[in-house]
Amino acid sequence: MFAQPFHANARAQFTLLCVVCLSGSFLAAEERSPASAPSRSLEEIKRTGASHSKYLEPTSRPSKTKTPKADLQTFRDVIAPILEESCVDCHGPGNEEGNIRVDTLDPNLLKGDDVDWWVEVLAVLSNGEMPPPDEVDMDDDDRSTVVEWLSDEIQVASTFRRATGGHSSFRRLTRYETNHALQDLLGLPYEFAKDLPPEAHSDDGFQNSSEMLHMTVKQLDTYRQLARQALDRAIVLGDHPAPVHWSISMKQNSQVDWHQQQSKLDQIAEKFKDDPKKQKQEVDALRATFQTTPRNTHYRNLTNGQKVSANWAYNGARYAMTSEDAPRVMPPTFDHVAVLPGGRNQKLIVELGDQLPNQGVMRVRVRASWLREEDSSDESHPPSLQLEFGWRASNEGRADMRISGADQLVKASPDQPQIYEWDIPLGDIYPRNSVRGVSKMGSMPSPSEYIRFINSSVSKSAIQIDHVEVVAPVNNQWPPESYQQIFIASKHRDDEPLYAKEVLAAFMHRAWRRPPTEAELQRKLKLFNAIRDQCESMEEAISEVLASILSSPNFLYVVRSAETNDSAETADRLSSNELATRLALFLWCSVPDTELLELARDGQLSSAEQLSAQVNRMLADPKAERFSEHFVHQWLDLQLLDFLNVKETKPKLSPLLKEAMQREPIAFFHELLHENESVLQFIHADFAMVNERLARHYQIPNVHGNHFRRVSLNSDPRRGGLLTQAGLLAMNSDGTDSHPLKRGVWLLESILNDPPPPPPPAVPEIDLADPEIAKMTLIERMADHRNHPACMSCHSKIDPWGIAFENYDAVGRWRDSISGKPVVASATLFNQQELDGVEGLKRYLLEHRQDQFVRAMVHKLATYALGRPLTFSDHVHVDQITAEVRQRGDGLGTMIQQLVASDLFQSK
């Protein structure tokens, strides 16, 4: 009943202890009569449920002018008798269900040690989970009395404890924050931190928690090396490096294949040279086969219609194209093309040899078009193009990796082909061919590398390519922009000591998220002067100093400020620079930009209007997509989906479908954020964010292309929102069938922030050797397992939530039957509320659990935004933010605005 927080290790232990009962097929043990058709739509329930929110009522705020006192008299006179009558039989002397005795809880929430238990009491009473309706009856007046007293006492106690306690968000940057900070500081898109180990997840599920982010001496040395490498890529010294060019027609790229085809003709001619008539018949028959269209990637001679399959082999470097020192204009006409059929991920390799540099940007340009075959359907749609990089040194050594981001949609027609382009940081490609510069071209192991074009379309639309250009490294200006972002324009450019001071001061301000003190600046100048004579240039010396700035705790840690707030009222408040830093880490996963830093310097972030305007500006910036990606990944525990092995699922998932599943919840979140739509859309929405591959998985028609877009669901309750997204269902399955335990635990933890109780010390295992148990269905085994007293407290809270998802198989597809038997996805909650499948689950959440869900969202966002676990002393602030959000329409953007405007966000 009154469970302590369910930590990650307890969750894992609980799942392992119970997983044996989840094997086999999953059918309901009991048939229930189908519920009558609901009279109200989910959208109507969403609106009426919102109108009944307790947060719409005015709430009393604790007074800041007097020291509060616990209302113990009301507890003794009113609350204790109600608890005695309704709770003590199960949670009293001699019977401590859930390891809790209500009669011994300290009612002084201001100073007592049982506040966490009282919060749980409030939760189970508010949700109607306790007392059990079939055991003890608590009338509505008594329940309301206890809930109101507890709500008031918790609010007062939370405010009091926050005022008298301390909080700390002091932590280092995460790997992804370090990466984005370096990208923004240096003005480069590279993946700087890819070699750093990922952070562990806290008990709250977040990677940016102050509980986890400490630094060892060895780690500090790693960060110093990382800073040095990043600066080497940003501060490029010396002359403009000469680029290497490739200009490759498909006639060139296909020479080997045409030669092999001609060799076949020559062999036939030689074989029948003594019989001219037979020779002509055989040659003509072979030539006729060259006119047929291969099913795989192939080349076409547009002059005579001849075709040949595109092949490639690594040995001998026969397919490698020669580089050139100067660019050539792409010819306007062509007579040979490569054709990549759709629907099967057909590939075209263009081998570039061993001349690609280690660093810099590689620009790939391809002239392509959408080829509509004569026998294609009128319903065909534009194909999509991806780019990969790879090499094969030998039979034992090879690599292929996708290097393009979003797919290129090829809409051009063959008579007007268009150029499609990618800019790829070569330094981010890993691994590179390790025998480049060791082996000679044509020798083994082969030092050559290649790019590979892929038709990634779901449909059968083909792509026609006639020419490819590659150049590396690409520098649109010299020195590059990253150099000029560090070595700023100044009238003192020729005064080295003064200019060095300006460069270091500007960089320290941006990297340390505050102006450096004069003492700090002088220490860096002293270091610069000490090493200047050992360096060939000023830039080299400054680069060494910048590395020390980026490996300083002032860069690596938050929150850390030289500013102080002297007044008692503001001592706990973030300084302007600290507030700018917290805001940037929250919404951009990075450091503040120039505008934020200037506002902080001028003290303007303390203005509510200015702060709100900055939130709007930052959410409209493309960098806000980082927030959507990292928050959603941690909030929903998407690492479970990352680890899902597509080869072991039943049915097997394609890697591209899994990729779409991983993207869907992030795209859905960002859509709600961009449009400031209600967070209740996470429970159910009348639209989905899908691409063609995912739409086919959902059996949604008329969605074409690999890009995600908003698609109406026509009020279909089987999809819409987070709960029914295939990736989230698949990651909470066992790979071959549904897994109600995992799905139930995930919903309680991630969606409702109401984790189930930890498992008891001794959980009995399911004896599958017992023939009576072995022949049971999964739900029957669960029901039998649940009948054990040691198991009931856990499973009664989890199982019904998971059973409601039973219409979804292991990969999130809808099903109506299993092995010929109809699926029954109905179950009864602890409070006797029946959940009739996923639609019933959505109805129940929208009708009875809106406040709990919205508050859970505020709690999760606040935990992420603050970078620390929330405690009881934060309870009142979470309630206040939730009330503001509910009163303003539940918008996701509104929730972020209210969180940023709160004392919780603006305090240490």
Foldseek 3Di string as FASTA:
>chain_A
DLFDQCFPVLLVVVCVQAVQLQDDFFFAPDDDDDDDDDPDFLVVLLVVQLVPDPLQDDDDADDPPDQDFQPVVCCVPQVVVLCVQFPQVQQHPPHNVNVHHPVPADSGLQDDDCLSSLVSVLVCLQQLLPDFPVPGDDDPVSSVVSNVSSVVNLLSNLQNCVLVDDDDLKAFAFLVLLQLFLCVLLVHPFRLRPPPDGADAGRLLARLFRVTGDDDPVRLVVLLVSLLVSLCQRAPDDDDDQKKKDKDFVCLLCVVQVVVLVVVLVVLCVVCVVPVVVSVVVSVVSQVVQQDDDPAKWKAQQVPNGITHDDDDAAQCPNAGEIDRDDDDHDPDFGMKIKGWDQPFGKDKRWHALPADQWAKKKKKWWKAWDDDPPDDPPDDFWWKFKWKKHAQDPVDIDIGTFDDDTDGHHHHPVGTDMDMDIGTNNNDPDAQPCRVPDDDNDGSGNIMIMMMIGHWNDGIMMMTTMMMMMPRDAPDPPHPSNCSQQDDDPCVVVLLVSLLVSVQVSLCQQLLHGDDPVVSVVLSVQLVVCVVVDPDSSVSSSSSVSVSSSDCSRGIPDDDPDADPDSVCRQFDQQSNLQQLLCCQQQSYTHDPVSSVCSVVVNCVDLVVVLVVLVVSLPDPSSLVNLLNLCCSLLVLVLLVPDDQVLAVVRDDPLLSVQLSCFSSVVVSVLQVVLAAPLQQLFDQWGWGAPSQCVLAVNPDHTDHHTDIGGNPSDLCDTHNLLRQSSQQSQQPRYWGRLQSSQQSCCCRQLVHGAHRQDPDQDHDDCVPVVSVPDHSNVSVVVSCPPSRNVSRCLARRLSSLLARLATNRRHGHQDDPPHGHFSWDAHSSRQIQGHSSSVSSCCSNSPVLSRLLSVLLSSLCSSSSHHDDSSCVSQSSVLSSQCSNVNNGPNSSVSSSSPTSSNRGD
